[in-house]
Each structure stands twice: as structure tokens, then as C-alpha cells.
Amino acid sequence: GDIVAKMPIRYRHGRLQTRLLFLFGKLFGQESVVTPVTVRFSEDSLPEPDVIVTTAEAYQDESRKYLSPEDVRLVAEISDTTLDDDLTRKAG
């Protein structure tokens, strides 16, 4: 896999992320919304979406290192300045 340098989180991005956390918390329950957490699709595919709605079981399991695709109910990725890169090179 490629090593992708992370850009610093800008205020606009952080503000949108916070809004999604509150919105998803109201819709799905605070006990199922997490950020930022790695989802392990394979050995070389470990994305870190901005906000994840997960199962209650996965949320409560503190022994795990990563979420698996089966644990994820909804993913939100904020691409306020990186949309082109997110849809091309990082999409693989």
C-alpha cells in the first residue's frame, strides 16, 4: 500500500465532523458513534473514516484493535479540501 501523508485537520473539517457526531448520535444513539477509528478491510487496507456508526457490540468491545467491515453500519468521510485525491489515488 501507499503511505499517504495526512494533512492537518482544518477548522471547517473539524466543525463538520462535530456536527455529524451529534447528528448521528441523535439518530443512532451515542453508544454507536465513533471517531476516528481504523476499519480493517485487509492487511493493506486500513482506512480511517471521519465518523463511523458501528454495532453496539463492537462499540463496547474494548479489546479490539480495529473495526471490521461487519461492525460498520455507516461511514462518513469529509473531503472539504481533498476530494480529488480521495476519489482517485486513495480510492485505489
C-alpha atoms as a PDB file:
ATOM      1  CA  GLY A   1       0.000   0.000   0.000  1.00  0.00           C
ATOM      2  CA  ASP A   2       0.901   3.633  -0.315  1.00  0.00           C
ATOM      3  CA  ILE A   3       1.921   5.775   2.598  1.00  0.00           C
ATOM      4  CA  VAL A   4      -0.347   8.818   2.483  1.00  0.00           C
ATOM      5  CA  ALA A   5       0.752  11.908   4.346  1.00  0.00           C
ATOM      6  CA  LYS A   6      -2.086  13.306   6.397  1.00  0.00           C
ATOM      7  CA  MET A   7      -2.983  16.943   6.169  1.00  0.00           C
ATOM      8  CA  PRO A   8      -3.696  18.803   9.385  1.00  0.00           C
ATOM      9  CA  ILE A   9      -7.380  18.945  10.287  1.00  0.00           C
ATOM     10  CA  ARG A  10      -8.745  22.367   9.421  1.00  0.00           C
ATOM     11  CA  TYR A  11     -11.382  24.165  11.447  1.00  0.00           C
ATOM     12  CA  ARG A  12     -14.103  23.691   8.806  1.00  0.00           C
ATOM     13  CA  HIS A  13     -13.412  19.952   8.662  1.00  0.00           C
ATOM     14  CA  GLY A  14     -13.461  19.631  12.459  1.00  0.00           C
ATOM     15  CA  ARG A  15     -16.672  21.610  12.709  1.00  0.00           C
ATOM     16  CA  LEU A  16     -18.401  19.377  10.147  1.00  0.00           C
ATOM     17  CA  GLN A  17     -17.112  16.286  11.919  1.00  0.00           C
ATOM     18  CA  THR A  18     -18.523  17.529  15.225  1.00  0.00           C
ATOM     19  CA  ARG A  19     -21.901  18.221  13.621  1.00  0.00           C
ATOM     20  CA  LEU A  20     -22.009  14.704  12.202  1.00  0.00           C
ATOM     21  CA  LEU A  21     -21.104  13.223  15.586  1.00  0.00           C
ATOM     22  CA  PHE A  22     -24.041  14.987  17.225  1.00  0.00           C
ATOM     23  CA  LEU A  23     -26.445  14.239  14.373  1.00  0.00           C
ATOM     24  CA  PHE A  24     -25.539  10.540  14.170  1.00  0.00           C
ATOM     25  CA  GLY A  25     -25.637  10.331  17.971  1.00  0.00           C
ATOM     26  CA  LYS A  26     -29.227  11.582  17.935  1.00  0.00           C
ATOM     27  CA  LEU A  27     -30.214   9.268  15.083  1.00  0.00           C
ATOM     28  CA  PHE A  28     -28.394   6.089  16.102  1.00  0.00           C
ATOM     29  CA  GLY A  29     -27.514   6.594  19.774  1.00  0.00           C
ATOM     30  CA  GLN A  30     -24.281   7.946  21.239  1.00  0.00           C
ATOM     31  CA  GLU A  31     -23.171   4.419  22.151  1.00  0.00           C
ATOM     32  CA  SER A  32     -22.666   3.549  18.483  1.00  0.00           C
ATOM     33  CA  VAL A  33     -20.849   6.607  17.049  1.00  0.00           C
ATOM     34  CA  VAL A  34     -17.046   6.703  16.996  1.00  0.00           C
ATOM     35  CA  THR A  35     -14.266   8.830  15.561  1.00  0.00           C
ATOM     36  CA  PRO A  36     -11.508   8.413  14.423  1.00  0.00           C
ATOM     37  CA  VAL A  37     -11.216   4.645  14.235  1.00  0.00           C
ATOM     38  CA  THR A  38      -9.476   2.366  11.752  1.00  0.00           C
ATOM     39  CA  VAL A  39     -11.531  -0.170   9.795  1.00  0.00           C
ATOM     40  CA  ARG A  40      -9.521  -3.209   8.723  1.00  0.00           C
ATOM     41  CA  PHE A  41     -10.614  -4.475   5.311  1.00  0.00           C
ATOM     42  CA  SER A  42      -7.365  -6.346   4.669  1.00  0.00           C
ATOM     43  CA  GLU A  43      -3.694  -6.292   5.676  1.00  0.00           C
ATOM     44  CA  ASP A  44      -3.047  -3.286   3.428  1.00  0.00           C
ATOM     45  CA  SER A  45      -6.450  -1.572   3.519  1.00  0.00           C
ATOM     46  CA  LEU A  46      -6.943   0.279   6.800  1.00  0.00           C
ATOM     47  CA  PRO A  47      -8.979   3.442   6.164  1.00  0.00           C
ATOM     48  CA  GLU A  48      -9.778   5.896   8.956  1.00  0.00           C
ATOM     49  CA  PRO A  49     -13.146   7.490   8.156  1.00  0.00           C
ATOM     50  CA  ASP A  50     -14.086  10.715   9.929  1.00  0.00           C
ATOM     51  CA  VAL A  51     -17.205   9.312  11.609  1.00  0.00           C
ATOM     52  CA  ILE A  52     -18.416   5.720  11.953  1.00  0.00           C
ATOM     53  CA  VAL A  53     -21.700   4.301  13.184  1.00  0.00           C
ATOM     54  CA  THR A  54     -20.950   0.822  14.490  1.00  0.00           C
ATOM     55  CA  THR A  55     -22.769  -2.008  16.198  1.00  0.00           C
ATOM     56  CA  ALA A  56     -23.354  -1.817  19.942  1.00  0.00           C
ATOM     57  CA  GLU A  57     -21.296  -4.982  20.391  1.00  0.00           C
ATOM     58  CA  ALA A  58     -18.293  -3.548  18.571  1.00  0.00           C
ATOM     59  CA  TYR A  59     -18.579  -0.244  20.430  1.00  0.00           C
ATOM     60  CA  GLN A  60     -18.464  -1.991  23.812  1.00  0.00           C
ATOM     61  CA  ASP A  61     -15.589  -4.359  22.945  1.00  0.00           C
ATOM     62  CA  GLU A  62     -12.511  -2.533  24.231  1.00  0.00           C
ATOM     63  CA  SER A  63     -10.189  -5.456  23.473  1.00  0.00           C
ATOM     64  CA  ARG A  64     -10.249  -4.985  19.702  1.00  0.00           C
ATOM     65  CA  LYS A  65      -7.585  -3.056  17.773  1.00  0.00           C
ATOM     66  CA  TYR A  66      -9.699  -2.244  14.706  1.00  0.00           C
ATOM     67  CA  LEU A  67     -13.249  -2.426  13.490  1.00  0.00           C
ATOM     68  CA  SER A  68     -14.078  -4.980  10.810  1.00  0.00           C
ATOM     69  CA  PRO A  69     -16.415  -4.292   7.872  1.00  0.00           C
ATOM     70  CA  GLU A  70     -19.109  -6.357   9.631  1.00  0.00           C
ATOM     71  CA  ASP A  71     -19.009  -3.914  12.575  1.00  0.00           C
ATOM     72  CA  VAL A  72     -19.719  -0.846  10.436  1.00  0.00           C
ATOM     73  CA  ARG A  73     -23.258   0.401   9.800  1.00  0.00           C
ATOM     74  CA  LEU A  74     -22.493   3.853   8.318  1.00  0.00           C
ATOM     75  CA  VAL A  75     -19.340   5.752   7.370  1.00  0.00           C
ATOM     76  CA  ALA A  76     -18.865   9.474   6.763  1.00  0.00           C
ATOM     77  CA  GLU A  77     -15.744  10.903   5.151  1.00  0.00           C
ATOM     78  CA  ILE A  78     -15.383  14.673   4.972  1.00  0.00           C
ATOM     79  CA  SER A  79     -13.469  15.793   1.884  1.00  0.00           C
ATOM     80  CA  ASP A  80     -13.595  19.550   2.141  1.00  0.00           C
ATOM     81  CA  THR A  81     -10.167  20.040   0.508  1.00  0.00           C
ATOM     82  CA  THR A  82      -9.087  16.549  -0.611  1.00  0.00           C
ATOM     83  CA  LEU A  83     -11.985  15.286  -2.727  1.00  0.00           C
ATOM     84  CA  ASP A  84      -9.979  14.748  -5.943  1.00  0.00           C
ATOM     85  CA  ASP A  85      -7.281  12.782  -4.128  1.00  0.00           C
ATOM     86  CA  ASP A  86      -9.868  10.788  -2.134  1.00  0.00           C
ATOM     87  CA  LEU A  87     -11.704   9.745  -5.317  1.00  0.00           C
ATOM     88  CA  THR A  88      -8.601   8.849  -7.334  1.00  0.00           C
ATOM     89  CA  ARG A  89      -5.317   7.815  -5.745  1.00  0.00           C
ATOM     90  CA  LYS A  90      -6.640   6.932  -2.269  1.00  0.00           C
ATOM     91  CA  ALA A  91      -9.657   5.057  -3.662  1.00  0.00           C
ATOM     92  CA  GLY A  92      -7.192   2.582  -5.146  1.00  0.00           C
END
